[in-house]
Amino acid sequence: MENELAALEAKVAQAAAQIRQLRADNSSLRQQVAERADENARLGEKLAAAKARIEALLKQIPETEP
């Protein structure tokens, strides 16, 4: 009985350690997702600005008759 309790205690301790590690990993991953979302938004803004500049330049090109 004593051995079974010790084994169970070890398994509970191992499970608790895994839970702590998973929580830390989850926190890190959430931060990475937030950083990537910010970067994605920033790049989207840059893309929109580049598109606007290209469209403005295309309007300056005179149309030619075939």
N, C-alpha and C. Protein backbone atom coordinates (compact mmCIF):
# COMPACT_ATOMS: atom_id res chain seq x y z
N MET A 1 0.82 -1.19 0.00
CA MET A 1 0.00 0.00 0.00
C MET A 1 0.87 1.27 0.00
N GLU A 2 1.91 1.22 0.82
CA GLU A 2 2.83 2.36 0.90
C GLU A 2 3.48 2.64 -0.46
N ASN A 3 3.88 1.59 -1.15
CA ASN A 3 4.51 1.73 -2.47
C ASN A 3 3.52 2.30 -3.49
N GLU A 4 2.28 1.85 -3.43
CA GLU A 4 1.26 2.34 -4.35
C GLU A 4 1.00 3.82 -4.14
N LEU A 5 0.96 4.24 -2.88
CA LEU A 5 0.77 5.66 -2.59
C LEU A 5 1.95 6.49 -3.06
N ALA A 6 3.14 5.98 -2.88
CA ALA A 6 4.34 6.69 -3.34
C ALA A 6 4.35 6.80 -4.85
N ALA A 7 3.94 5.73 -5.53
CA ALA A 7 3.89 5.76 -7.00
C ALA A 7 2.83 6.75 -7.47
N LEU A 8 1.70 6.75 -6.79
CA LEU A 8 0.63 7.69 -7.15
C LEU A 8 1.07 9.12 -6.90
N GLU A 9 1.75 9.35 -5.79
CA GLU A 9 2.26 10.68 -5.48
C GLU A 9 3.24 11.15 -6.55
N ALA A 10 4.09 10.25 -7.00
CA ALA A 10 5.06 10.59 -8.05
C ALA A 10 4.35 10.93 -9.36
N LYS A 11 3.30 10.17 -9.67
CA LYS A 11 2.55 10.45 -10.90
C LYS A 11 1.84 11.79 -10.82
N VAL A 12 1.28 12.10 -9.65
CA VAL A 12 0.60 13.39 -9.46
C VAL A 12 1.61 14.53 -9.58
N ALA A 13 2.78 14.36 -8.98
CA ALA A 13 3.82 15.38 -9.07
C ALA A 13 4.27 15.58 -10.51
N GLN A 14 4.39 14.48 -11.24
CA GLN A 14 4.78 14.56 -12.65
C GLN A 14 3.71 15.27 -13.47
N ALA A 15 2.45 14.94 -13.21
CA ALA A 15 1.35 15.59 -13.92
C ALA A 15 1.32 17.08 -13.61
N ALA A 16 1.55 17.45 -12.36
CA ALA A 16 1.56 18.86 -11.97
C ALA A 16 2.70 19.60 -12.67
N ALA A 17 3.85 18.96 -12.76
CA ALA A 17 4.99 19.57 -13.45
C ALA A 17 4.68 19.77 -14.93
N GLN A 18 4.04 18.78 -15.54
CA GLN A 18 3.67 18.90 -16.96
C GLN A 18 2.67 20.03 -17.15
N ILE A 19 1.73 20.15 -16.23
CA ILE A 19 0.74 21.22 -16.33
C ILE A 19 1.42 22.58 -16.24
N ARG A 20 2.36 22.73 -15.30
CA ARG A 20 3.09 24.01 -15.19
C ARG A 20 3.85 24.30 -16.48
N GLN A 21 4.49 23.30 -17.05
CA GLN A 21 5.24 23.50 -18.30
C GLN A 21 4.31 23.87 -19.44
N LEU A 22 3.17 23.19 -19.52
CA LEU A 22 2.21 23.49 -20.60
C LEU A 22 1.64 24.91 -20.45
N ARG A 23 1.42 25.32 -19.22
CA ARG A 23 0.92 26.69 -19.00
C ARG A 23 1.96 27.71 -19.43
N ALA A 24 3.22 27.44 -19.11
CA ALA A 24 4.30 28.34 -19.53
C ALA A 24 4.41 28.37 -21.05
N ASP A 25 4.34 27.20 -21.68
CA ASP A 25 4.39 27.13 -23.14
C ASP A 25 3.21 27.88 -23.76
N ASN A 26 2.02 27.70 -23.18
CA ASN A 26 0.83 28.36 -23.69
C ASN A 26 0.98 29.87 -23.60
N SER A 27 1.50 30.34 -22.49
CA SER A 27 1.70 31.78 -22.33
C SER A 27 2.67 32.32 -23.38
N SER A 28 3.74 31.59 -23.58
CA SER A 28 4.72 31.99 -24.59
C SER A 28 4.11 32.01 -25.98
N LEU A 29 3.33 30.99 -26.29
CA LEU A 29 2.70 30.92 -27.61
C LEU A 29 1.68 32.03 -27.81
N ARG A 30 0.94 32.35 -26.74
CA ARG A 30 -0.02 33.46 -26.85
C ARG A 30 0.70 34.78 -27.14
N GLN A 31 1.84 34.98 -26.50
CA GLN A 31 2.61 36.19 -26.76
C GLN A 31 3.11 36.22 -28.20
N GLN A 32 3.58 35.07 -28.68
CA GLN A 32 4.05 35.00 -30.07
C GLN A 32 2.93 35.29 -31.04
N VAL A 33 1.73 34.78 -30.76
CA VAL A 33 0.58 35.03 -31.63
C VAL A 33 0.26 36.53 -31.65
N ALA A 34 0.29 37.16 -30.48
CA ALA A 34 0.02 38.60 -30.41
C ALA A 34 1.06 39.39 -31.20
N GLU A 35 2.33 39.00 -31.07
CA GLU A 35 3.39 39.68 -31.81
C GLU A 35 3.20 39.51 -33.31
N ARG A 36 2.85 38.30 -33.73
CA ARG A 36 2.64 38.06 -35.17
C ARG A 36 1.43 38.82 -35.68
N ALA A 37 0.40 38.92 -34.87
CA ALA A 37 -0.79 39.67 -35.28
C ALA A 37 -0.45 41.15 -35.46
N ASP A 38 0.36 41.70 -34.54
CA ASP A 38 0.80 43.09 -34.68
C ASP A 38 1.64 43.27 -35.95
N GLU A 39 2.54 42.33 -36.18
CA GLU A 39 3.38 42.40 -37.37
C GLU A 39 2.53 42.29 -38.64
N ASN A 40 1.55 41.40 -38.60
CA ASN A 40 0.67 41.22 -39.75
C ASN A 40 -0.10 42.50 -40.04
N ALA A 41 -0.60 43.16 -39.00
CA ALA A 41 -1.32 44.42 -39.18
C ALA A 41 -0.40 45.49 -39.75
N ARG A 42 0.82 45.55 -39.23
CA ARG A 42 1.79 46.54 -39.73
C ARG A 42 2.11 46.29 -41.20
N LEU A 43 2.32 45.03 -41.55
CA LEU A 43 2.62 44.71 -42.95
C LEU A 43 1.42 44.97 -43.85
N GLY A 44 0.22 44.74 -43.33
CA GLY A 44 -0.99 45.05 -44.10
C GLY A 44 -1.09 46.54 -44.41
N GLU A 45 -0.73 47.35 -43.42
CA GLU A 45 -0.74 48.81 -43.63
C GLU A 45 0.30 49.21 -44.68
N LYS A 46 1.49 48.59 -44.59
CA LYS A 46 2.53 48.90 -45.58
C LYS A 46 2.09 48.49 -46.98
N LEU A 47 1.43 47.34 -47.06
CA LEU A 47 0.95 46.85 -48.35
C LEU A 47 -0.11 47.80 -48.93
N ALA A 48 -1.02 48.25 -48.07
CA ALA A 48 -2.05 49.19 -48.53
C ALA A 48 -1.43 50.50 -49.02
N ALA A 49 -0.41 50.98 -48.31
CA ALA A 49 0.27 52.21 -48.72
C ALA A 49 0.99 52.01 -50.05
N ALA A 50 1.64 50.88 -50.21
CA ALA A 50 2.33 50.60 -51.48
C ALA A 50 1.32 50.50 -52.62
N LYS A 51 0.20 49.86 -52.37
CA LYS A 51 -0.84 49.74 -53.39
C LYS A 51 -1.36 51.12 -53.80
N ALA A 52 -1.56 51.99 -52.83
CA ALA A 52 -2.03 53.34 -53.13
C ALA A 52 -1.00 54.11 -53.96
N ARG A 53 0.28 53.95 -53.63
CA ARG A 53 1.32 54.63 -54.41
C ARG A 53 1.37 54.10 -55.84
N ILE A 54 1.25 52.80 -56.00
CA ILE A 54 1.27 52.21 -57.34
C ILE A 54 0.08 52.68 -58.15
N GLU A 55 -1.10 52.71 -57.52
CA GLU A 55 -2.29 53.18 -58.23
C GLU A 55 -2.14 54.64 -58.64
N ALA A 56 -1.54 55.45 -57.78
CA ALA A 56 -1.32 56.86 -58.11
C ALA A 56 -0.36 56.98 -59.28
N LEU A 57 0.69 56.16 -59.29
CA LEU A 57 1.65 56.19 -60.40
C LEU A 57 1.00 55.72 -61.70
N LEU A 58 0.15 54.71 -61.62
CA LEU A 58 -0.52 54.21 -62.83
C LEU A 58 -1.44 55.27 -63.43
N LYS A 59 -2.04 56.10 -62.59
CA LYS A 59 -2.92 57.15 -63.10
C LYS A 59 -2.13 58.23 -63.83
N GLN A 60 -0.83 58.34 -63.51
CA GLN A 60 -0.01 59.36 -64.16
C GLN A 60 0.49 58.91 -65.53
N ILE A 61 0.41 57.62 -65.82
CA ILE A 61 0.86 57.12 -67.11
C ILE A 61 -0.19 57.45 -68.16
N PRO A 62 0.21 58.12 -69.20
CA PRO A 62 -0.78 58.46 -70.24
C PRO A 62 -1.22 57.21 -71.00
N GLU A 63 -2.49 57.18 -71.32
CA GLU A 63 -3.02 56.06 -72.09
C GLU A 63 -2.63 56.25 -73.54
N THR A 64 -2.25 55.16 -74.20
CA THR A 64 -1.85 55.24 -75.61
C THR A 64 -2.92 54.58 -76.45
N GLU A 65 -3.11 55.11 -77.65
CA GLU A 65 -4.07 54.55 -78.60
C GLU A 65 -3.37 53.47 -79.42
N PRO A 66 -4.00 52.31 -79.59
CA PRO A 66 -3.38 51.26 -80.40
C PRO A 66 -3.42 51.57 -81.88
